[in-house]
Amino acid sequence: SGYRRYEIADQRWGVRPEIAVVYVDGLITSGESGGTPFGTTQI
């Protein structure tokens, strides 16, 4: 299930650089993220 990247041997040592992915899902509010009471929408 899912996908897996092919890793070059010399990249398995040490800390690899990171591309961070952040999500803006559903309604945008000014407070904290979470879910709506009915569970149908992400905040």
PDB file of all heavy atoms in Angstrom:
ATOM      1  N   SER A   1       0.832  -1.193   0.000  1.00  0.00           N
ATOM      2  CA  SER A   1       0.000   0.000   0.000  1.00  0.00           C
ATOM      3  C   SER A   1       0.869   1.247   0.000  1.00  0.00           C
ATOM      4  O   SER A   1       1.888   1.316   0.692  1.00  0.00           O
ATOM      5  CB  SER A   1      -0.902   0.002   1.236  1.00  0.00           C
ATOM      6  OG  SER A   1      -1.648   1.195   1.307  1.00  0.00           O
ATOM      7  N   GLY A   2       0.482   2.249  -0.795  1.00  0.00           N
ATOM      8  CA  GLY A   2       1.218   3.509  -0.787  1.00  0.00           C
ATOM      9  C   GLY A   2       2.420   3.484  -1.702  1.00  0.00           C
ATOM     10  O   GLY A   2       2.593   2.599  -2.529  1.00  0.00           O
ATOM     11  N   TYR A   3       3.280   4.486  -1.536  1.00  0.00           N
ATOM     12  CA  TYR A   3       4.452   4.643  -2.388  1.00  0.00           C
ATOM     13  C   TYR A   3       5.689   4.741  -1.507  1.00  0.00           C
ATOM     14  O   TYR A   3       5.640   5.240  -0.390  1.00  0.00           O
ATOM     15  CB  TYR A   3       4.338   5.925  -3.233  1.00  0.00           C
ATOM     16  CG  TYR A   3       3.172   5.911  -4.173  1.00  0.00           C
ATOM     17  CD1 TYR A   3       1.916   6.365  -3.766  1.00  0.00           C
ATOM     18  CD2 TYR A   3       3.299   5.427  -5.466  1.00  0.00           C
ATOM     19  CE1 TYR A   3       0.832   6.353  -4.626  1.00  0.00           C
ATOM     20  CE2 TYR A   3       2.224   5.402  -6.337  1.00  0.00           C
ATOM     21  CZ  TYR A   3       0.986   5.869  -5.910  1.00  0.00           C
ATOM     22  OH  TYR A   3      -0.074   5.849  -6.757  1.00  0.00           O
ATOM     23  N   ARG A   4       6.805   4.281  -2.039  1.00  0.00           N
ATOM     24  CA  ARG A   4       8.043   4.346  -1.287  1.00  0.00           C
ATOM     25  C   ARG A   4       9.145   4.855  -2.206  1.00  0.00           C
ATOM     26  O   ARG A   4       9.311   4.357  -3.316  1.00  0.00           O
ATOM     27  CB  ARG A   4       8.409   2.966  -0.741  1.00  0.00           C
ATOM     28  CG  ARG A   4       9.650   2.979   0.155  1.00  0.00           C
ATOM     29  CD  ARG A   4       9.828   1.647   0.848  1.00  0.00           C
ATOM     30  NE  ARG A   4       9.963   0.558  -0.106  1.00  0.00           N
ATOM     31  CZ  ARG A   4       9.987  -0.728   0.238  1.00  0.00           C
ATOM     32  NH1 ARG A   4       9.850  -1.072   1.508  1.00  0.00           N
ATOM     33  NH2 ARG A   4      10.125  -1.662  -0.678  1.00  0.00           N
ATOM     34  N   ARG A   5       9.891   5.825  -1.744  1.00  0.00           N
ATOM     35  CA  ARG A   5      10.985   6.370  -2.536  1.00  0.00           C
ATOM     36  C   ARG A   5      12.135   5.384  -2.620  1.00  0.00           C
ATOM     37  O   ARG A   5      12.416   4.674  -1.652  1.00  0.00           O
ATOM     38  CB  ARG A   5      11.496   7.667  -1.916  1.00  0.00           C
ATOM     39  CG  ARG A   5      10.722   8.896  -2.341  1.00  0.00           C
ATOM     40  CD  ARG A   5      11.406  10.123  -1.739  1.00  0.00           C
ATOM     41  NE  ARG A   5      10.884  11.328  -2.314  1.00  0.00           N
ATOM     42  CZ  ARG A   5      11.328  11.873  -3.442  1.00  0.00           C
ATOM     43  NH1 ARG A   5      12.295  11.269  -4.105  1.00  0.00           N
ATOM     44  NH2 ARG A   5      10.827  12.993  -3.904  1.00  0.00           N
ATOM     45  N   TYR A   6      12.831   5.401  -3.748  1.00  0.00           N
ATOM     46  CA  TYR A   6      14.054   4.628  -3.879  1.00  0.00           C
ATOM     47  C   TYR A   6      15.183   5.405  -3.219  1.00  0.00           C
ATOM     48  O   TYR A   6      15.383   6.592  -3.491  1.00  0.00           O
ATOM     49  CB  TYR A   6      14.387   4.399  -5.355  1.00  0.00           C
ATOM     50  CG  TYR A   6      15.708   3.676  -5.564  1.00  0.00           C
ATOM     51  CD1 TYR A   6      15.799   2.304  -5.368  1.00  0.00           C
ATOM     52  CD2 TYR A   6      16.853   4.382  -5.924  1.00  0.00           C
ATOM     53  CE1 TYR A   6      16.995   1.642  -5.547  1.00  0.00           C
ATOM     54  CE2 TYR A   6      18.057   3.729  -6.107  1.00  0.00           C
ATOM     55  CZ  TYR A   6      18.122   2.365  -5.914  1.00  0.00           C
ATOM     56  OH  TYR A   6      19.309   1.710  -6.079  1.00  0.00           O
ATOM     57  N   GLU A   7      15.895   4.781  -2.318  1.00  0.00           N
ATOM     58  CA  GLU A   7      16.965   5.434  -1.591  1.00  0.00           C
ATOM     59  C   GLU A   7      18.323   4.990  -2.101  1.00  0.00           C
ATOM     60  O   GLU A   7      18.607   3.800  -2.208  1.00  0.00           O
ATOM     61  CB  GLU A   7      16.865   5.137  -0.086  1.00  0.00           C
ATOM     62  CG  GLU A   7      15.648   5.772   0.578  1.00  0.00           C
ATOM     63  CD  GLU A   7      15.704   5.596   2.086  1.00  0.00           C
ATOM     64  OE1 GLU A   7      16.705   5.052   2.582  1.00  0.00           O
ATOM     65  OE2 GLU A   7      14.757   6.012   2.761  1.00  0.00           O
ATOM     66  N   ILE A   8      19.166   5.964  -2.436  1.00  0.00           N
ATOM     67  CA  ILE A   8      20.545   5.678  -2.800  1.00  0.00           C
ATOM     68  C   ILE A   8      21.296   5.314  -1.531  1.00  0.00           C
ATOM     69  O   ILE A   8      21.094   5.912  -0.475  1.00  0.00           O
ATOM     70  CB  ILE A   8      21.190   6.898  -3.480  1.00  0.00           C
ATOM     71  CG1 ILE A   8      20.378   7.248  -4.743  1.00  0.00           C
ATOM     72  CG2 ILE A   8      22.645   6.648  -3.829  1.00  0.00           C
ATOM     73  CD1 ILE A   8      20.796   8.526  -5.403  1.00  0.00           C
ATOM     74  N   ALA A   9      22.185   4.343  -1.630  1.00  0.00           N
ATOM     75  CA  ALA A   9      22.839   3.792  -0.437  1.00  0.00           C
ATOM     76  C   ALA A   9      23.491   4.861   0.424  1.00  0.00           C
ATOM     77  O   ALA A   9      23.333   4.882   1.646  1.00  0.00           O
ATOM     78  CB  ALA A   9      23.871   2.747  -0.856  1.00  0.00           C
ATOM     79  N   ASP A  10      24.222   5.808  -0.204  1.00  0.00           N
ATOM     80  CA  ASP A  10      24.962   6.765   0.630  1.00  0.00           C
ATOM     81  C   ASP A  10      24.051   7.822   1.243  1.00  0.00           C
ATOM     82  O   ASP A  10      24.498   8.649   2.021  1.00  0.00           O
ATOM     83  CB  ASP A  10      26.096   7.429  -0.168  1.00  0.00           C
ATOM     84  CG  ASP A  10      25.574   8.205  -1.368  1.00  0.00           C
ATOM     85  OD1 ASP A  10      24.351   8.305  -1.517  1.00  0.00           O
ATOM     86  OD2 ASP A  10      26.411   8.702  -2.146  1.00  0.00           O
ATOM     87  N   GLN A  11      22.757   7.798   0.879  1.00  0.00           N
ATOM     88  CA  GLN A  11      21.821   8.743   1.490  1.00  0.00           C
ATOM     89  C   GLN A  11      21.141   8.149   2.725  1.00  0.00           C
ATOM     90  O   GLN A  11      20.384   8.832   3.404  1.00  0.00           O
ATOM     91  CB  GLN A  11      20.751   9.148   0.468  1.00  0.00           C
ATOM     92  CG  GLN A  11      21.308   9.991  -0.666  1.00  0.00           C
ATOM     93  CD  GLN A  11      20.239  10.324  -1.685  1.00  0.00           C
ATOM     94  OE1 GLN A  11      19.166   9.720  -1.680  1.00  0.00           O
ATOM     95  NE2 GLN A  11      20.520  11.276  -2.552  1.00  0.00           N
ATOM     96  N   ARG A  12      21.384   6.875   2.989  1.00  0.00           N
ATOM     97  CA  ARG A  12      20.743   6.257   4.144  1.00  0.00           C
ATOM     98  C   ARG A  12      21.458   6.621   5.433  1.00  0.00           C
ATOM     99  O   ARG A  12      20.978   6.340   6.525  1.00  0.00           O
ATOM    100  CB  ARG A  12      20.735   4.736   3.958  1.00  0.00           C
ATOM    101  CG  ARG A  12      19.884   4.277   2.781  1.00  0.00           C
ATOM    102  CD  ARG A  12      20.035   2.795   2.523  1.00  0.00           C
ATOM    103  NE  ARG A  12      19.296   2.405   1.325  1.00  0.00           N
ATOM    104  CZ  ARG A  12      19.467   1.261   0.699  1.00  0.00           C
ATOM    105  NH1 ARG A  12      20.361   0.380   1.142  1.00  0.00           N
ATOM    106  NH2 ARG A  12      18.763   0.971  -0.374  1.00  0.00           N
ATOM    107  N   TRP A  13      22.641   7.221   5.321  1.00  0.00           N
ATOM    108  CA  TRP A  13      23.402   7.608   6.501  1.00  0.00           C
ATOM    109  C   TRP A  13      23.217   9.094   6.746  1.00  0.00           C
ATOM    110  O   TRP A  13      23.183   9.892   5.831  1.00  0.00           O
ATOM    111  CB  TRP A  13      24.891   7.284   6.311  1.00  0.00           C
ATOM    112  CG  TRP A  13      25.137   5.825   6.128  1.00  0.00           C
ATOM    113  CD1 TRP A  13      25.202   5.146   4.952  1.00  0.00           C
ATOM    114  CD2 TRP A  13      25.319   4.854   7.157  1.00  0.00           C
ATOM    115  NE1 TRP A  13      25.416   3.816   5.151  1.00  0.00           N
ATOM    116  CE2 TRP A  13      25.497   3.593   6.516  1.00  0.00           C
ATOM    117  CE3 TRP A  13      25.354   4.905   8.552  1.00  0.00           C
ATOM    118  CZ2 TRP A  13      25.701   2.412   7.217  1.00  0.00           C
ATOM    119  CZ3 TRP A  13      25.569   3.732   9.249  1.00  0.00           C
ATOM    120  CH2 TRP A  13      25.739   2.502   8.587  1.00  0.00           C
ATOM    121  N   GLY A  14      23.106   9.442   7.987  1.00  0.00           N
ATOM    122  CA  GLY A  14      22.944  10.850   8.335  1.00  0.00           C
ATOM    123  C   GLY A  14      21.514  11.316   8.145  1.00  0.00           C
ATOM    124  O   GLY A  14      20.609  10.549   7.824  1.00  0.00           O
ATOM    125  N   VAL A  15      21.312  12.608   8.345  1.00  0.00           N
ATOM    126  CA  VAL A  15      19.986  13.210   8.251  1.00  0.00           C
ATOM    127  C   VAL A  15      19.777  13.746   6.843  1.00  0.00           C
ATOM    128  O   VAL A  15      20.577  14.548   6.349  1.00  0.00           O
ATOM    129  CB  VAL A  15      19.842  14.359   9.277  1.00  0.00           C
ATOM    130  CG1 VAL A  15      18.464  15.007   9.150  1.00  0.00           C
ATOM    131  CG2 VAL A  15      20.065  13.841  10.689  1.00  0.00           C
ATOM    132  N   ARG A  16      18.721  13.275   6.197  1.00  0.00           N
ATOM    133  CA  ARG A  16      18.437  13.736   4.847  1.00  0.00           C
ATOM    134  C   ARG A  16      17.720  15.085   4.887  1.00  0.00           C
ATOM    135  O   ARG A  16      16.956  15.373   5.813  1.00  0.00           O
ATOM    136  CB  ARG A  16      17.580  12.714   4.121  1.00  0.00           C
ATOM    137  CG  ARG A  16      18.287  11.403   3.868  1.00  0.00           C
ATOM    138  CD  ARG A  16      17.331  10.398   3.256  1.00  0.00           C
ATOM    139  NE  ARG A  16      16.800  10.857   1.981  1.00  0.00           N
ATOM    140  CZ  ARG A  16      15.855  10.198   1.307  1.00  0.00           C
ATOM    141  NH1 ARG A  16      15.351   9.088   1.806  1.00  0.00           N
ATOM    142  NH2 ARG A  16      15.410  10.655   0.152  1.00  0.00           N
ATOM    143  N   PRO A  17      17.955  15.944   3.899  1.00  0.00           N
ATOM    144  CA  PRO A  17      17.229  17.220   3.853  1.00  0.00           C
ATOM    145  C   PRO A  17      15.735  16.964   3.702  1.00  0.00           C
ATOM    146  O   PRO A  17      15.311  15.923   3.193  1.00  0.00           O
ATOM    147  CB  PRO A  17      17.817  17.925   2.628  1.00  0.00           C
ATOM    148  CG  PRO A  17      18.391  16.827   1.791  1.00  0.00           C
ATOM    149  CD  PRO A  17      18.873  15.791   2.758  1.00  0.00           C
ATOM    150  N   GLU A  18      14.957  17.916   4.132  1.00  0.00           N
ATOM    151  CA  GLU A  18      13.511  17.714   4.223  1.00  0.00           C
ATOM    152  C   GLU A  18      12.757  18.749   3.408  1.00  0.00           C
ATOM    153  O   GLU A  18      13.096  19.937   3.417  1.00  0.00           O
ATOM    154  CB  GLU A  18      13.092  17.807   5.697  1.00  0.00           C
ATOM    155  CG  GLU A  18      11.614  17.679   5.949  1.00  0.00           C
ATOM    156  CD  GLU A  18      11.262  17.857   7.418  1.00  0.00           C
ATOM    157  OE1 GLU A  18      12.176  17.791   8.268  1.00  0.00           O
ATOM    158  OE2 GLU A  18      10.078  18.073   7.707  1.00  0.00           O
ATOM    159  N   ILE A  19      11.751  18.288   2.670  1.00  0.00           N
ATOM    160  CA  ILE A  19      10.755  19.168   2.065  1.00  0.00           C
ATOM    161  C   ILE A  19       9.493  19.011   2.919  1.00  0.00           C
ATOM    162  O   ILE A  19       8.905  17.934   2.970  1.00  0.00           O
ATOM    163  CB  ILE A  19      10.441  18.790   0.603  1.00  0.00           C
ATOM    164  CG1 ILE A  19      11.706  18.817  -0.255  1.00  0.00           C
ATOM    165  CG2 ILE A  19       9.383  19.738   0.039  1.00  0.00           C
ATOM    166  CD1 ILE A  19      12.321  20.171  -0.443  1.00  0.00           C
ATOM    167  N   ALA A  20       9.124  20.055   3.621  1.00  0.00           N
ATOM    168  CA  ALA A  20       7.967  19.985   4.514  1.00  0.00           C
ATOM    169  C   ALA A  20       6.687  20.290   3.742  1.00  0.00           C
ATOM    170  O   ALA A  20       6.660  21.185   2.890  1.00  0.00           O
ATOM    171  CB  ALA A  20       8.127  20.970   5.664  1.00  0.00           C
ATOM    172  N   VAL A  21       5.652  19.522   4.043  1.00  0.00           N
ATOM    173  CA  VAL A  21       4.340  19.745   3.443  1.00  0.00           C
ATOM    174  C   VAL A  21       3.367  20.125   4.556  1.00  0.00           C
ATOM    175  O   VAL A  21       3.223  19.390   5.538  1.00  0.00           O
ATOM    176  CB  VAL A  21       3.833  18.485   2.715  1.00  0.00           C
ATOM    177  CG1 VAL A  21       2.489  18.764   2.036  1.00  0.00           C
ATOM    178  CG2 VAL A  21       4.856  18.010   1.686  1.00  0.00           C
ATOM    179  N   VAL A  22       2.746  21.274   4.411  1.00  0.00           N
ATOM    180  CA  VAL A  22       1.723  21.691   5.373  1.00  0.00           C
ATOM    181  C   VAL A  22       0.405  21.834   4.633  1.00  0.00           C
ATOM    182  O   VAL A  22       0.377  22.138   3.432  1.00  0.00           O
ATOM    183  CB  VAL A  22       2.101  23.011   6.088  1.00  0.00           C
ATOM    184  CG1 VAL A  22       3.353  22.846   6.904  1.00  0.00           C
ATOM    185  CG2 VAL A  22       2.275  24.144   5.093  1.00  0.00           C
ATOM    186  N   TYR A  23      -0.685  21.601   5.340  1.00  0.00           N
ATOM    187  CA  TYR A  23      -2.002  21.568   4.716  1.00  0.00           C
ATOM    188  C   TYR A  23      -2.892  22.680   5.246  1.00  0.00           C
ATOM    189  O   TYR A  23      -2.935  22.947   6.447  1.00  0.00           O
ATOM    190  CB  TYR A  23      -2.679  20.218   4.977  1.00  0.00           C
ATOM    191  CG  TYR A  23      -1.988  19.064   4.293  1.00  0.00           C
ATOM    192  CD1 TYR A  23      -0.903  18.422   4.892  1.00  0.00           C
ATOM    193  CD2 TYR A  23      -2.403  18.627   3.045  1.00  0.00           C
ATOM    194  CE1 TYR A  23      -0.254  17.371   4.254  1.00  0.00           C
ATOM    195  CE2 TYR A  23      -1.770  17.573   2.401  1.00  0.00           C
ATOM    196  CZ  TYR A  23      -0.697  16.948   3.009  1.00  0.00           C
ATOM    197  OH  TYR A  23      -0.055  15.914   2.376  1.00  0.00           O
ATOM    198  N   VAL A  24      -3.593  23.304   4.312  1.00  0.00           N
ATOM    199  CA  VAL A  24      -4.666  24.242   4.650  1.00  0.00           C
ATOM    200  C   VAL A  24      -5.946  23.591   4.147  1.00  0.00           C
ATOM    201  O   VAL A  24      -6.283  23.676   2.968  1.00  0.00           O
ATOM    202  CB  VAL A  24      -4.445  25.623   4.003  1.00  0.00           C
ATOM    203  CG1 VAL A  24      -5.609  26.557   4.339  1.00  0.00           C
ATOM    204  CG2 VAL A  24      -3.136  26.233   4.479  1.00  0.00           C
ATOM    205  N   ASP A  25      -6.627  22.901   5.045  1.00  0.00           N
ATOM    206  CA  ASP A  25      -7.821  22.128   4.692  1.00  0.00           C
ATOM    207  C   ASP A  25      -9.069  22.752   5.292  1.00  0.00           C
ATOM    208  O   ASP A  25      -9.074  23.164   6.458  1.00  0.00           O
ATOM    209  CB  ASP A  25      -7.710  20.684   5.210  1.00  0.00           C
ATOM    210  CG  ASP A  25      -6.861  19.813   4.309  1.00  0.00           C
ATOM    211  OD1 ASP A  25      -6.720  20.158   3.128  1.00  0.00           O
ATOM    212  OD2 ASP A  25      -6.332  18.799   4.783  1.00  0.00           O
ATOM    213  N   GLY A  26     -10.133  22.799   4.514  1.00  0.00           N
ATOM    214  CA  GLY A  26     -11.424  23.222   5.038  1.00  0.00           C
ATOM    215  C   GLY A  26     -11.467  24.707   5.352  1.00  0.00           C
ATOM    216  O   GLY A  26     -10.772  25.533   4.749  1.00  0.00           O
ATOM    217  N   LEU A  27     -12.290  25.057   6.319  1.00  0.00           N
ATOM    218  CA  LEU A  27     -12.468  26.452   6.699  1.00  0.00           C
ATOM    219  C   LEU A  27     -11.214  27.024   7.339  1.00  0.00           C
ATOM    220  O   LEU A  27     -10.497  26.333   8.060  1.00  0.00           O
ATOM    221  CB  LEU A  27     -13.619  26.581   7.706  1.00  0.00           C
ATOM    222  CG  LEU A  27     -15.031  26.270   7.213  1.00  0.00           C
ATOM    223  CD1 LEU A  27     -16.022  26.460   8.353  1.00  0.00           C
ATOM    224  CD2 LEU A  27     -15.399  27.139   6.039  1.00  0.00           C
ATOM    225  N   ILE A  28     -10.961  28.289   7.100  1.00  0.00           N
ATOM    226  CA  ILE A  28      -9.875  29.005   7.754  1.00  0.00           C
ATOM    227  C   ILE A  28     -10.465  29.865   8.866  1.00  0.00           C
ATOM    228  O   ILE A  28     -11.360  30.678   8.624  1.00  0.00           O
ATOM    229  CB  ILE A  28      -9.113  29.895   6.749  1.00  0.00           C
ATOM    230  CG1 ILE A  28      -8.441  29.039   5.676  1.00  0.00           C
ATOM    231  CG2 ILE A  28      -8.090  30.764   7.458  1.00  0.00           C
ATOM    232  CD1 ILE A  28      -7.790  29.842   4.559  1.00  0.00           C
ATOM    233  N   THR A  29      -9.987  29.647  10.073  1.00  0.00           N
ATOM    234  CA  THR A  29     -10.403  30.471  11.200  1.00  0.00           C
ATOM    235  C   THR A  29      -9.170  31.119  11.808  1.00  0.00           C
ATOM    236  O   THR A  29      -8.040  30.804  11.444  1.00  0.00           O
ATOM    237  CB  THR A  29     -11.135  29.645  12.273  1.00  0.00           C
ATOM    238  OG1 THR A  29     -10.206  28.728  12.873  1.00  0.00           O
ATOM    239  CG2 THR A  29     -12.298  28.866  11.683  1.00  0.00           C
ATOM    240  N   SER A  30      -9.376  32.009  12.743  1.00  0.00           N
ATOM    241  CA  SER A  30      -8.248  32.713  13.353  1.00  0.00           C
ATOM    242  C   SER A  30      -7.689  31.968  14.561  1.00  0.00           C
ATOM    243  O   SER A  30      -6.623  32.318  15.056  1.00  0.00           O
ATOM    244  CB  SER A  30      -8.675  34.127  13.781  1.00  0.00           C
ATOM    245  OG  SER A  30      -9.797  34.065  14.648  1.00  0.00           O
ATOM    246  N   GLY A  31      -8.372  30.926  15.029  1.00  0.00           N
ATOM    247  CA  GLY A  31      -7.945  30.229  16.243  1.00  0.00           C
ATOM    248  C   GLY A  31      -7.115  28.997  15.970  1.00  0.00           C
ATOM    249  O   GLY A  31      -6.173  29.021  15.188  1.00  0.00           O
ATOM    250  N   GLU A  32      -7.483  27.884  16.609  1.00  0.00           N
ATOM    251  CA  GLU A  32      -6.731  26.640  16.491  1.00  0.00           C
ATOM    252  C   GLU A  32      -7.385  25.694  15.488  1.00  0.00           C
ATOM    253  O   GLU A  32      -8.581  25.774  15.221  1.00  0.00           O
ATOM    254  CB  GLU A  32      -6.628  25.959  17.865  1.00  0.00           C
ATOM    255  CG  GLU A  32      -5.839  26.768  18.883  1.00  0.00           C
ATOM    256  CD  GLU A  32      -5.654  26.013  20.186  1.00  0.00           C
ATOM    257  OE1 GLU A  32      -6.282  24.953  20.339  1.00  0.00           O
ATOM    258  OE2 GLU A  32      -4.891  26.487  21.037  1.00  0.00           O
ATOM    259  N   SER A  33      -6.562  24.799  14.954  1.00  0.00           N
ATOM    260  CA  SER A  33      -7.060  23.816  13.990  1.00  0.00           C
ATOM    261  C   SER A  33      -7.824  22.707  14.714  1.00  0.00           C
ATOM    262  O   SER A  33      -7.634  22.482  15.908  1.00  0.00           O
ATOM    263  CB  SER A  33      -5.896  23.208  13.204  1.00  0.00           C
ATOM    264  OG  SER A  33      -5.220  24.189  12.453  1.00  0.00           O
ATOM    265  N   GLY A  34      -8.665  22.018  13.987  1.00  0.00           N
ATOM    266  CA  GLY A  34      -9.431  20.920  14.557  1.00  0.00           C
ATOM    267  C   GLY A  34     -10.499  20.459  13.589  1.00  0.00           C
ATOM    268  O   GLY A  34     -10.377  20.636  12.378  1.00  0.00           O
ATOM    269  N   GLY A  35     -11.561  19.874  14.113  1.00  0.00           N
ATOM    270  CA  GLY A  35     -12.656  19.397  13.280  1.00  0.00           C
ATOM    271  C   GLY A  35     -13.960  19.994  13.745  1.00  0.00           C
ATOM    272  O   GLY A  35     -14.096  20.432  14.888  1.00  0.00           O
ATOM    273  N   THR A  36     -14.941  20.026  12.858  1.00  0.00           N
ATOM    274  CA  THR A  36     -16.252  20.535  13.232  1.00  0.00           C
ATOM    275  C   THR A  36     -16.998  19.478  14.049  1.00  0.00           C
ATOM    276  O   THR A  36     -16.655  18.298  14.005  1.00  0.00           O
ATOM    277  CB  THR A  36     -17.073  20.881  11.980  1.00  0.00           C
ATOM    278  OG1 THR A  36     -17.275  19.686  11.217  1.00  0.00           O
ATOM    279  CG2 THR A  36     -16.348  21.905  11.120  1.00  0.00           C
ATOM    280  N   PRO A  37     -18.021  19.874  14.798  1.00  0.00           N
ATOM    281  CA  PRO A  37     -18.747  18.909  15.636  1.00  0.00           C
ATOM    282  C   PRO A  37     -19.326  17.738  14.867  1.00  0.00           C
ATOM    283  O   PRO A  37     -19.372  16.624  15.364  1.00  0.00           O
ATOM    284  CB  PRO A  37     -19.861  19.769  16.268  1.00  0.00           C
ATOM    285  CG  PRO A  37     -19.304  21.143  16.288  1.00  0.00           C
ATOM    286  CD  PRO A  37     -18.476  21.256  15.042  1.00  0.00           C
ATOM    287  N   PHE A  38     -19.773  17.962  13.623  1.00  0.00           N
ATOM    288  CA  PHE A  38     -20.359  16.879  12.844  1.00  0.00           C
ATOM    289  C   PHE A  38     -19.303  16.042  12.152  1.00  0.00           C
ATOM    290  O   PHE A  38     -19.613  15.061  11.494  1.00  0.00           O
ATOM    291  CB  PHE A  38     -21.346  17.427  11.813  1.00  0.00           C
ATOM    292  CG  PHE A  38     -22.650  17.894  12.421  1.00  0.00           C
ATOM    293  CD1 PHE A  38     -23.631  18.430  11.614  1.00  0.00           C
ATOM    294  CD2 PHE A  38     -22.880  17.801  13.793  1.00  0.00           C
ATOM    295  CE1 PHE A  38     -24.830  18.860  12.162  1.00  0.00           C
ATOM    296  CE2 PHE A  38     -24.074  18.224  14.341  1.00  0.00           C
ATOM    297  CZ  PHE A  38     -25.047  18.766  13.530  1.00  0.00           C
ATOM    298  N   GLY A  39     -18.055  16.431  12.247  1.00  0.00           N
ATOM    299  CA  GLY A  39     -16.972  15.647  11.688  1.00  0.00           C
ATOM    300  C   GLY A  39     -16.900  15.661  10.175  1.00  0.00           C
ATOM    301  O   GLY A  39     -16.243  14.827   9.568  1.00  0.00           O
ATOM    302  N   THR A  40     -17.578  16.606   9.518  1.00  0.00           N
ATOM    303  CA  THR A  40     -17.602  16.636   8.062  1.00  0.00           C
ATOM    304  C   THR A  40     -16.620  17.639   7.478  1.00  0.00           C
ATOM    305  O   THR A  40     -16.359  17.616   6.279  1.00  0.00           O
ATOM    306  CB  THR A  40     -19.007  16.981   7.549  1.00  0.00           C
ATOM    307  OG1 THR A  40     -19.368  18.273   8.037  1.00  0.00           O
ATOM    308  CG2 THR A  40     -20.017  15.958   8.036  1.00  0.00           C
ATOM    309  N   THR A  41     -16.102  18.531   8.288  1.00  0.00           N
ATOM    310  CA  THR A  41     -15.237  19.596   7.783  1.00  0.00           C
ATOM    311  C   THR A  41     -14.025  19.761   8.681  1.00  0.00           C
ATOM    312  O   THR A  41     -14.147  19.762   9.903  1.00  0.00           O
ATOM    313  CB  THR A  41     -16.002  20.934   7.723  1.00  0.00           C
ATOM    314  OG1 THR A  41     -17.162  20.776   6.911  1.00  0.00           O
ATOM    315  CG2 THR A  41     -15.138  22.042   7.135  1.00  0.00           C
ATOM    316  N   GLN A  42     -12.869  19.903   8.062  1.00  0.00           N
ATOM    317  CA  GLN A  42     -11.648  20.206   8.787  1.00  0.00           C
ATOM    318  C   GLN A  42     -11.543  21.715   8.967  1.00  0.00           C
ATOM    319  O   GLN A  42     -11.952  22.484   8.105  1.00  0.00           O
ATOM    320  CB  GLN A  42     -10.425  19.682   8.021  1.00  0.00           C
ATOM    321  CG  GLN A  42      -9.092  19.984   8.688  1.00  0.00           C
ATOM    322  CD  GLN A  42      -8.919  19.235  10.001  1.00  0.00           C
ATOM    323  OE1 GLN A  42      -9.478  18.162  10.170  1.00  0.00           O
ATOM    324  NE2 GLN A  42      -8.157  19.816  10.903  1.00  0.00           N
ATOM    325  N   ILE A  43     -11.025  22.126  10.096  1.00  0.00           N
ATOM    326  CA  ILE A  43     -10.789  23.539  10.373  1.00  0.00           C
ATOM    327  C   ILE A  43      -9.287  23.782  10.383  1.00  0.00           C
ATOM    328  O   ILE A  43      -8.541  23.083  11.068  1.00  0.00           O
ATOM    329  CB  ILE A  43     -11.367  23.956  11.741  1.00  0.00           C
ATOM    330  CG1 ILE A  43     -12.887  23.759  11.778  1.00  0.00           C
ATOM    331  CG2 ILE A  43     -11.004  25.401  12.058  1.00  0.00           C
ATOM    332  CD1 ILE A  43     -13.667  24.731  10.964  1.00  0.00           C
TER     333      ILE A  43
END
